[in-house]
Amino acid sequence: MTTYFGAIADDFTGATDLAGLLARSGVEVSLRIGVPDRPPADPAPIEIIALKCRTAPVDEAIKETRAALDWLRDAGAKRFFWKYCSTFDSTPRGNIGPVAEALMKALKTDQTIYCPAFPENGRSIFMGNLFVGEQPLAESPMKDHPLTPMRDSNLMRLLEPQVTLAVGLTNRHTVAKGPQALRDSLAKLKDSGVAHVVVDAVANDDLFVIADACQDLTLLTGGSAVAMPLPRLWLNQGLVKRRDVEGEHRFEDGPAIVLSGSCSAMTNRQVAAFLGQGGRPSLKLDPLELAEKGAGPALEWLSHQDLSKTPILYATAAPDAVRAAQERLGTDRAGALVETALASCAAAARDLGIRRFVVAGGETSGAVTKSLGVTRLDIGSEIAPGVPWCFARSGNHDVAITLKSGNFGNEDFFAMALEVLDA
């Protein structure tokens, strides 16, 4: 078996988000954590490589994604996808645009699209402007993101400083006319020298139009949802096959833990809802205390808890508290202290018998999976759109883990995740 579609995700929650949506098709999806050390021996038709490069220095992000591209090409991939967040999380320098241009150069292609829309989760693009629910991106809680505050809603303006080639738009009026109209628009833009095309999408029907029109492009970029229709198109053409038998995902009996590093508005509500159920052992991590005392007190606390009650450790906080910690410690250090502490607690929890991990936040997910020594994830059922349960080996144990992007899921997500797994 060889790979047909190879995707590179800029964080771990984004990778599982993409994997969950693609797995809906019944085609086998393999998710690798980081670029594998060895050449592909057992590639799946759809291979996804999860990186932790969303906020890495630009040169480092390009180097990592180029290594991932090389591995995917060795696996046989013919089509490629650069996956980033549905809220276009980035800075004026990148990393969305610089990585896209580096991949385009490596693949010798002169045009790609940008479509972070995810209508099922309230992300839509109209006239090039990204909306979160009914709010423009720059008026949504993303304006206060601790690492990538989004202060502009217009994707062309966000993208232009990040790239060297021309940026353009194909708007919803064209998409609504169908795949051929979109193909014609892209061809016209290419003739005028436009390499980077933002494409509007406000509903799932738009995603199917975009996938149909763009399925033959060597490189696509976007959020996970725009890739969701692709496997069905390839199945109809005989380019990929459904897995013959649905695999049975195994994980050992054992209690669960919630580890939350995200400070998004939705995760704040999810933590509050979980704590409101009562009886949950809980510990809030303060970056200032972590700077002084390290993770030792948290590890000591965890060792004395009744794990059957699903403890929660969280650094989730309101924007003002996050800014205060960043002003004292610096943005990078404040985040790193939290990630390191939660990662240490994850490994300790596994050694104490925890076998189910609910993790919130992209950076946290990267740190936790690394601490657990996870290198490959099998994709299970979705808990919420774009958030599946995954299954892996960790420390000679079979564990279940879900990696939730900060703003995904409803307020009762943590409890719902455990119910889905037990069903």
Protein backbone atom coordinates (compact mmCIF):
# COMPACT_ATOMS: atom_id res chain seq x y z
CA MET A 1 0.00 0.00 0.00
CA THR A 2 1.23 3.49 -0.79
CA THR A 3 0.09 6.89 0.35
CA TYR A 4 -2.00 9.09 -1.92
CA PHE A 5 -2.62 12.10 0.33
CA GLY A 6 -0.03 13.56 2.68
CA ALA A 7 -0.86 16.28 5.19
CA ILE A 8 1.33 18.39 7.46
CA ALA A 9 -0.32 20.00 10.50
CA ASP A 10 1.21 22.86 12.46
CA ASP A 11 0.07 21.54 15.83
CA PHE A 12 -1.15 18.31 17.38
CA THR A 13 -4.80 19.20 17.99
CA GLY A 14 -5.04 20.40 14.40
CA ALA A 15 -3.67 17.09 13.22
CA THR A 16 -6.24 15.03 15.14
CA ASP A 17 -8.94 17.44 13.98
CA LEU A 18 -7.98 16.74 10.36
CA ALA A 19 -7.60 13.01 10.96
CA GLY A 20 -11.06 12.75 12.51
CA LEU A 21 -12.76 14.47 9.59
CA LEU A 22 -10.90 12.45 6.95
CA ALA A 23 -11.61 9.19 8.78
CA ARG A 24 -15.34 9.79 8.34
CA SER A 25 -14.87 8.52 4.77
CA GLY A 26 -13.87 5.02 5.90
CA VAL A 27 -10.42 5.37 4.33
CA GLU A 28 -7.55 4.40 6.63
CA VAL A 29 -5.86 7.42 8.18
CA SER A 30 -2.50 7.30 9.93
CA LEU A 31 -1.32 10.11 12.20
CA ARG A 32 2.39 10.39 13.00
CA ILE A 33 3.68 12.56 15.84
CA GLY A 34 6.65 14.41 14.42
CA VAL A 35 8.62 13.35 11.36
CA PRO A 36 9.38 9.63 11.67
CA ASP A 37 13.04 8.65 11.92
CA ARG A 38 12.65 5.78 9.50
CA PRO A 39 11.39 5.53 5.92
CA PRO A 40 7.71 4.56 5.66
CA ALA A 41 7.32 0.78 5.99
CA ASP A 42 3.53 0.60 6.36
CA PRO A 43 2.06 3.81 4.92
CA ALA A 44 -1.70 4.35 4.92
CA PRO A 45 -3.59 5.88 1.97
CA ILE A 46 -3.84 9.06 4.04
CA GLU A 47 -0.83 10.02 6.14
CA ILE A 48 -0.77 13.02 8.48
CA ILE A 49 2.34 14.33 10.21
CA ALA A 50 1.72 16.44 13.31
CA LEU A 51 4.32 19.08 14.05
CA LYS A 52 4.60 21.66 16.81
CA CYS A 53 5.62 24.57 14.61
CA ARG A 54 2.74 27.06 14.75
CA THR A 55 4.73 29.57 16.81
CA ALA A 56 8.24 28.31 16.07
CA PRO A 57 10.77 30.62 14.41
CA VAL A 58 10.02 30.81 10.67
CA ASP A 59 13.25 29.11 9.55
CA GLU A 60 12.68 26.27 12.00
CA ALA A 61 9.07 25.80 10.86
CA ILE A 62 10.14 25.66 7.21
CA LYS A 63 12.88 23.13 7.98
CA GLU A 64 10.45 20.86 9.87
CA THR A 65 7.72 21.03 7.26
CA ARG A 66 10.19 20.36 4.43
CA ALA A 67 11.38 17.26 6.31
CA ALA A 68 7.76 16.15 6.69
CA LEU A 69 7.17 16.74 2.98
CA ASP A 70 10.18 14.60 2.08
CA TRP A 71 8.89 11.74 4.26
CA LEU A 72 5.43 11.94 2.70
CA ARG A 73 6.86 11.93 -0.80
CA ASP A 74 8.90 8.85 0.07
CA ALA A 75 5.62 7.25 1.22
CA GLY A 76 4.25 7.83 -2.28
CA ALA A 77 1.99 10.83 -1.70
CA LYS A 78 0.74 12.60 -4.83
CA ARG A 79 -1.35 15.36 -3.21
CA PHE A 80 -0.38 17.47 -0.22
CA PHE A 81 -2.09 19.60 2.40
CA TRP A 82 -0.72 22.27 4.76
CA LYS A 83 -3.10 22.35 7.71
CA TYR A 84 -3.35 25.32 10.08
CA CYS A 85 -5.94 26.54 12.54
CA SER A 86 -9.46 27.54 11.48
CA THR A 87 -8.81 30.90 13.13
CA PHE A 88 -5.68 31.43 10.97
CA ASP A 89 -3.47 31.64 14.06
CA SER A 90 -0.27 33.36 13.00
CA THR A 91 1.89 36.44 13.38
CA PRO A 92 2.81 39.08 10.76
CA ARG A 93 5.90 36.98 9.96
CA GLY A 94 4.19 33.61 9.71
CA ASN A 95 4.18 30.74 9.86
CA ILE A 96 1.26 30.06 7.50
CA GLY A 97 2.51 31.98 4.46
CA PRO A 98 6.25 31.23 4.62
CA VAL A 99 5.64 27.51 5.00
CA ALA A 100 3.15 27.50 2.13
CA GLU A 101 5.64 29.22 -0.18
CA ALA A 102 8.41 26.82 0.84
CA LEU A 103 6.18 23.83 0.09
CA MET A 104 5.09 25.36 -3.23
CA LYS A 105 8.72 25.81 -4.23
CA ALA A 106 9.61 22.24 -3.27
CA LEU A 107 6.64 20.86 -5.17
CA LYS A 108 7.20 23.16 -8.17
CA THR A 109 3.63 24.46 -8.10
CA ASP A 110 2.72 28.08 -8.76
CA GLN A 111 -0.64 28.45 -7.02
CA THR A 112 -2.47 27.27 -3.92
CA ILE A 113 -5.58 28.18 -1.96
CA TYR A 114 -6.21 29.26 1.63
CA CYS A 115 -9.48 28.23 3.23
CA PRO A 116 -9.59 27.95 7.05
CA ALA A 117 -13.41 27.79 7.08
CA PHE A 118 -15.05 25.18 9.34
CA PRO A 119 -18.82 25.84 9.25
CA GLU A 120 -19.63 23.01 11.69
CA ASN A 121 -17.59 24.87 14.28
CA GLY A 122 -18.76 28.36 13.36
CA ARG A 123 -15.79 29.40 11.21
CA SER A 124 -16.78 31.05 7.93
CA ILE A 125 -15.15 33.29 5.33
CA PHE A 126 -17.04 35.98 3.41
CA MET A 127 -15.38 38.49 1.07
CA GLY A 128 -12.07 37.34 2.48
CA ASN A 129 -13.02 38.11 6.08
CA LEU A 130 -12.95 35.34 8.68
CA PHE A 131 -15.79 35.07 11.17
CA VAL A 132 -15.95 33.14 14.46
CA GLY A 133 -19.64 32.53 14.88
CA GLU A 134 -21.22 35.90 14.15
CA GLN A 135 -18.13 37.86 15.19
CA PRO A 136 -15.36 39.02 12.89
CA LEU A 137 -12.11 37.32 13.90
CA ALA A 138 -10.63 40.54 15.27
CA GLU A 139 -13.66 41.06 17.52
CA SER A 140 -13.78 37.46 18.76
CA PRO A 141 -11.93 36.11 21.81
CA MET A 142 -9.05 35.35 19.43
CA LYS A 143 -8.04 39.00 19.71
CA ASP A 144 -6.68 38.08 23.15
CA HIS A 145 -4.90 34.85 22.22
CA PRO A 146 -1.75 34.69 24.38
CA LEU A 147 0.57 33.62 21.53
CA THR A 148 -1.12 34.71 18.30
CA PRO A 149 -3.53 37.58 19.02
CA MET A 150 -5.62 38.10 15.88
CA ARG A 151 -6.26 41.82 15.41
CA ASP A 152 -7.41 41.78 11.77
CA SER A 153 -10.25 39.75 10.24
CA ASN A 154 -9.20 40.10 6.61
CA LEU A 155 -7.24 37.05 5.46
CA MET A 156 -5.60 38.82 2.53
CA ARG A 157 -4.23 41.54 4.79
CA LEU A 158 -3.05 38.90 7.26
CA LEU A 159 -1.38 36.83 4.55
CA GLU A 160 0.29 39.53 2.43
CA PRO A 161 3.10 40.40 4.92
CA GLN A 162 3.93 36.69 5.23
CA VAL A 163 4.53 35.92 1.54
CA THR A 164 6.55 37.24 -1.39
CA LEU A 165 4.07 36.43 -4.18
CA ALA A 166 0.73 38.04 -4.98
CA VAL A 167 -2.40 37.38 -2.90
CA GLY A 168 -5.95 37.34 -4.28
CA LEU A 169 -9.53 36.31 -3.51
CA THR A 170 -12.22 34.11 -4.98
CA ASN A 171 -15.39 35.19 -3.20
CA ARG A 172 -18.58 33.41 -2.20
CA HIS A 173 -20.50 34.60 -5.27
CA THR A 174 -18.11 32.62 -7.47
CA VAL A 175 -18.03 29.57 -5.18
CA ALA A 176 -21.85 29.50 -5.17
CA LYS A 177 -21.80 29.04 -8.97
CA GLY A 178 -20.07 25.68 -8.63
CA PRO A 179 -16.75 23.93 -9.27
CA GLN A 180 -16.21 25.08 -12.84
CA ALA A 181 -16.71 28.73 -11.92
CA LEU A 182 -14.12 28.33 -9.16
CA ARG A 183 -11.67 26.62 -11.54
CA ASP A 184 -12.10 29.46 -14.03
CA SER A 185 -11.51 32.04 -11.30
CA LEU A 186 -8.32 30.32 -10.14
CA ALA A 187 -7.05 30.09 -13.73
CA LYS A 188 -7.74 33.79 -14.32
CA LEU A 189 -5.93 34.71 -11.11
CA LYS A 190 -2.98 32.50 -12.06
CA ASP A 191 -2.73 34.23 -15.46
CA SER A 192 -2.50 37.56 -13.63
CA GLY A 193 0.31 36.28 -11.39
CA VAL A 194 -1.68 35.53 -8.21
CA ALA A 195 -0.12 32.60 -6.37
CA HIS A 196 -1.98 32.72 -3.05
CA VAL A 197 -5.79 32.62 -3.30
CA VAL A 198 -8.11 33.05 -0.34
CA VAL A 199 -11.38 31.22 -1.04
CA ASP A 200 -14.66 32.10 0.68
CA ALA A 201 -16.80 29.43 2.35
CA VAL A 202 -19.81 29.95 4.60
CA ALA A 203 -21.49 26.52 4.54
CA ASN A 204 -20.56 22.86 4.12
CA ASP A 205 -21.86 22.92 0.54
CA ASP A 206 -19.13 25.44 -0.26
CA LEU A 207 -16.50 23.01 1.00
CA PHE A 208 -17.68 20.34 -1.43
CA VAL A 209 -17.49 22.82 -4.30
CA ILE A 210 -13.97 23.85 -3.30
CA ALA A 211 -12.79 20.26 -2.89
CA ASP A 212 -14.20 19.30 -6.28
CA ALA A 213 -12.62 22.28 -8.03
CA CYS A 214 -9.24 21.98 -6.30
CA GLN A 215 -8.75 18.22 -5.97
CA ASP A 216 -6.08 18.17 -8.66
CA LEU A 217 -3.96 20.93 -7.16
CA THR A 218 -0.68 19.53 -5.91
CA LEU A 219 -0.87 21.57 -2.71
CA LEU A 220 -3.89 22.80 -0.77
CA THR A 221 -3.81 24.77 2.45
CA GLY A 222 -6.48 25.46 5.03
CA GLY A 223 -8.32 24.28 8.07
CA SER A 224 -9.34 20.66 8.32
CA ALA A 225 -12.87 21.07 6.96
CA VAL A 226 -11.89 21.96 3.40
CA ALA A 227 -10.07 18.62 3.12
CA MET A 228 -12.99 16.62 4.53
CA PRO A 229 -14.74 15.96 1.16
CA LEU A 230 -11.59 14.88 -0.67
CA PRO A 231 -11.48 11.14 0.23
CA ARG A 232 -14.95 10.56 -1.18
CA LEU A 233 -13.91 12.12 -4.48
CA TRP A 234 -10.86 9.88 -4.60
CA LEU A 235 -12.92 6.81 -3.69
CA ASN A 236 -15.21 7.47 -6.64
CA GLN A 237 -12.16 7.64 -8.91
CA GLY A 238 -10.58 4.49 -7.48
CA LEU A 239 -7.53 6.40 -6.23
CA VAL A 240 -7.97 5.13 -2.65
CA LYS A 241 -9.92 2.31 -1.00
CA ARG A 242 -11.92 1.99 2.18
CA ARG A 243 -10.38 -0.15 4.86
CA ASP A 244 -11.73 -3.70 4.58
CA VAL A 245 -12.47 -4.13 8.27
CA GLU A 246 -12.97 -1.46 10.86
CA GLY A 247 -10.15 -1.79 13.34
CA GLU A 248 -11.00 -2.37 16.96
CA HIS A 249 -9.31 0.27 19.05
CA ARG A 250 -7.86 -1.07 22.26
CA PHE A 251 -6.95 0.68 25.45
CA GLU A 252 -6.40 -0.68 28.91
CA ASP A 253 -8.90 -0.30 31.71
CA GLY A 254 -8.03 2.59 33.93
CA PRO A 255 -9.16 5.99 35.13
CA ALA A 256 -9.08 9.29 33.25
CA ILE A 257 -7.49 12.69 33.72
CA VAL A 258 -8.15 16.13 32.23
CA LEU A 259 -5.15 18.35 31.44
CA SER A 260 -6.03 21.84 30.23
CA GLY A 261 -3.51 24.46 29.16
CA SER A 262 -5.71 26.36 26.72
CA CYS A 263 -6.93 29.79 27.80
CA SER A 264 -9.54 30.16 25.06
CA ALA A 265 -12.99 31.46 25.92
CA MET A 266 -14.58 28.06 25.26
CA THR A 267 -12.02 26.12 27.31
CA ASN A 268 -12.61 28.52 30.21
CA ARG A 269 -16.30 27.57 30.05
CA GLN A 270 -15.49 23.87 29.70
CA VAL A 271 -13.26 23.90 32.76
CA ALA A 272 -15.92 25.76 34.75
CA ALA A 273 -18.58 23.25 33.68
CA PHE A 274 -16.40 20.28 34.65
CA LEU A 275 -15.59 21.77 38.04
CA GLY A 276 -19.26 22.58 38.54
CA GLN A 277 -20.16 18.89 38.50
CA GLY A 278 -18.64 18.58 41.97
CA GLY A 279 -16.45 15.86 43.39
CA ARG A 280 -13.65 16.32 40.86
CA PRO A 281 -10.18 16.65 42.35
CA SER A 282 -8.84 19.86 40.81
CA LEU A 283 -5.63 21.85 40.83
CA LYS A 284 -5.11 25.19 39.13
CA LEU A 285 -1.57 25.79 37.93
CA ASP A 286 -0.23 29.33 38.26
CA PRO A 287 2.75 30.20 36.00
CA LEU A 288 4.19 32.45 38.70
CA GLU A 289 4.15 29.62 41.24
CA LEU A 290 5.57 27.22 38.66
CA ALA A 291 8.44 29.65 38.06
CA GLU A 292 9.21 29.61 41.77
CA LYS A 293 8.55 26.01 42.76
CA GLY A 294 8.44 24.00 39.53
CA ALA A 295 6.09 21.08 38.90
CA GLY A 296 6.96 19.29 42.15
CA PRO A 297 3.91 20.46 44.17
CA ALA A 298 1.56 19.47 41.32
CA LEU A 299 3.11 16.03 41.08
CA GLU A 300 2.85 15.61 44.84
CA TRP A 301 -0.80 16.67 44.76
CA LEU A 302 -1.58 14.21 41.96
CA SER A 303 -0.01 11.30 43.83
CA HIS A 304 -2.51 11.73 46.69
CA GLN A 305 -5.72 11.95 44.65
CA ASP A 306 -8.52 9.44 44.14
CA LEU A 307 -7.90 8.89 40.43
CA SER A 308 -11.27 7.18 39.96
CA LYS A 309 -12.89 10.63 40.29
CA THR A 310 -11.16 12.00 37.15
CA PRO A 311 -8.86 14.74 38.43
CA ILE A 312 -8.33 17.92 36.42
CA LEU A 313 -5.17 20.00 36.33
CA TYR A 314 -5.55 23.28 34.50
CA ALA A 315 -3.80 26.54 33.77
CA THR A 316 -6.86 27.87 31.98
CA ALA A 317 -7.42 31.49 32.97
CA ALA A 318 -9.06 34.72 31.86
CA PRO A 319 -7.17 37.03 29.43
CA ASP A 320 -6.25 39.56 32.14
CA ALA A 321 -4.62 36.88 34.29
CA VAL A 322 -2.77 35.49 31.29
CA ARG A 323 -1.42 38.93 30.38
CA ALA A 324 -0.31 39.57 33.96
CA ALA A 325 1.73 36.35 34.01
CA GLN A 326 3.22 37.12 30.61
CA GLU A 327 4.26 40.60 31.73
CA ARG A 328 6.08 39.13 34.73
CA LEU A 329 7.64 36.10 33.05
CA GLY A 330 7.59 36.82 29.33
CA THR A 331 5.16 35.22 26.89
CA ASP A 332 7.35 32.28 25.89
CA ARG A 333 8.44 31.40 29.42
CA ALA A 334 4.93 31.61 30.87
CA GLY A 335 3.65 29.20 28.25
CA ALA A 336 6.62 26.85 28.53
CA LEU A 337 6.26 26.57 32.31
CA VAL A 338 2.65 25.47 31.96
CA GLU A 339 3.37 23.04 29.13
CA THR A 340 6.27 21.46 31.00
CA ALA A 341 4.25 21.05 34.20
CA LEU A 342 1.25 19.48 32.44
CA ALA A 343 3.54 17.21 30.43
CA SER A 344 5.23 16.01 33.63
CA CYS A 345 1.84 15.40 35.23
CA ALA A 346 0.71 13.39 32.19
CA ALA A 347 3.66 11.00 32.45
CA ALA A 348 3.22 10.69 36.21
CA ALA A 349 -0.51 10.03 35.76
CA ARG A 350 0.22 7.21 33.32
CA ASP A 351 2.63 5.66 35.78
CA LEU A 352 -0.07 5.91 38.48
CA GLY A 353 -2.50 3.94 36.31
CA ILE A 354 -4.30 6.61 34.23
CA ARG A 355 -5.20 5.23 30.81
CA ARG A 356 -7.51 7.95 29.40
CA PHE A 357 -6.24 11.46 28.75
CA VAL A 358 -8.38 14.47 27.82
CA VAL A 359 -6.05 17.30 26.77
CA ALA A 360 -7.07 20.86 25.88
CA GLY A 361 -4.84 23.25 23.93
CA GLY A 362 -2.54 22.87 20.95
CA GLU A 363 0.73 23.66 22.69
CA THR A 364 -0.29 21.56 25.69
CA SER A 365 -1.17 18.63 23.43
CA GLY A 366 2.25 18.74 21.84
CA ALA A 367 4.00 18.73 25.19
CA VAL A 368 1.81 15.96 26.62
CA THR A 369 2.13 13.58 23.67
CA LYS A 370 5.90 14.07 23.68
CA SER A 371 6.05 13.37 27.41
CA LEU A 372 3.98 10.22 26.94
CA GLY A 373 6.33 9.06 24.19
CA VAL A 374 3.52 8.79 21.64
CA THR A 375 4.74 8.54 18.04
CA ARG A 376 1.64 7.34 16.19
CA LEU A 377 -2.09 7.65 16.79
CA ASP A 378 -4.94 5.50 15.51
CA ILE A 379 -8.08 7.55 14.94
CA GLY A 380 -11.37 6.61 16.60
CA SER A 381 -14.82 8.13 16.85
CA GLU A 382 -15.41 11.87 17.07
CA ILE A 383 -16.51 13.43 20.35
CA ALA A 384 -17.33 16.72 18.64
CA PRO A 385 -16.66 17.92 15.08
CA GLY A 386 -12.92 17.77 14.58
CA VAL A 387 -12.13 16.18 17.96
CA PRO A 388 -11.75 12.37 17.85
CA TRP A 389 -10.61 9.88 20.43
CA CYS A 390 -7.22 8.49 19.47
CA PHE A 391 -5.36 5.39 20.60
CA ALA A 392 -1.65 4.89 21.13
CA ARG A 393 1.11 3.06 22.94
CA SER A 394 2.71 4.85 25.86
CA GLY A 395 5.22 3.33 28.26
CA ASN A 396 4.22 -0.22 27.18
CA HIS A 397 0.55 0.57 27.81
CA ASP A 398 -2.41 0.98 25.44
CA VAL A 399 -3.95 4.36 26.16
CA ALA A 400 -6.75 6.54 24.82
CA ILE A 401 -6.12 10.23 24.28
CA THR A 402 -8.07 13.13 22.85
CA LEU A 403 -6.38 16.39 21.89
CA LYS A 404 -8.81 19.29 21.82
CA SER A 405 -8.18 22.60 20.11
CA GLY A 406 -8.95 25.42 22.52
CA ASN A 407 -12.17 26.71 20.98
CA PHE A 408 -13.63 23.37 19.86
CA GLY A 409 -16.43 21.44 21.57
CA ASN A 410 -19.42 22.45 23.67
CA GLU A 411 -19.30 23.49 27.33
CA ASP A 412 -19.80 19.91 28.52
CA PHE A 413 -17.01 18.56 26.31
CA PHE A 414 -14.87 17.00 29.07
CA ALA A 415 -17.71 14.91 30.48
CA MET A 416 -18.99 14.10 26.99
CA ALA A 417 -15.57 12.81 25.95
CA LEU A 418 -15.59 10.24 28.73
CA GLU A 419 -19.15 9.19 27.91
CA VAL A 420 -18.32 8.65 24.24
CA LEU A 421 -15.38 6.45 25.13
CA ASP A 422 -17.44 4.36 27.54
CA ALA A 423 -20.35 3.93 25.11
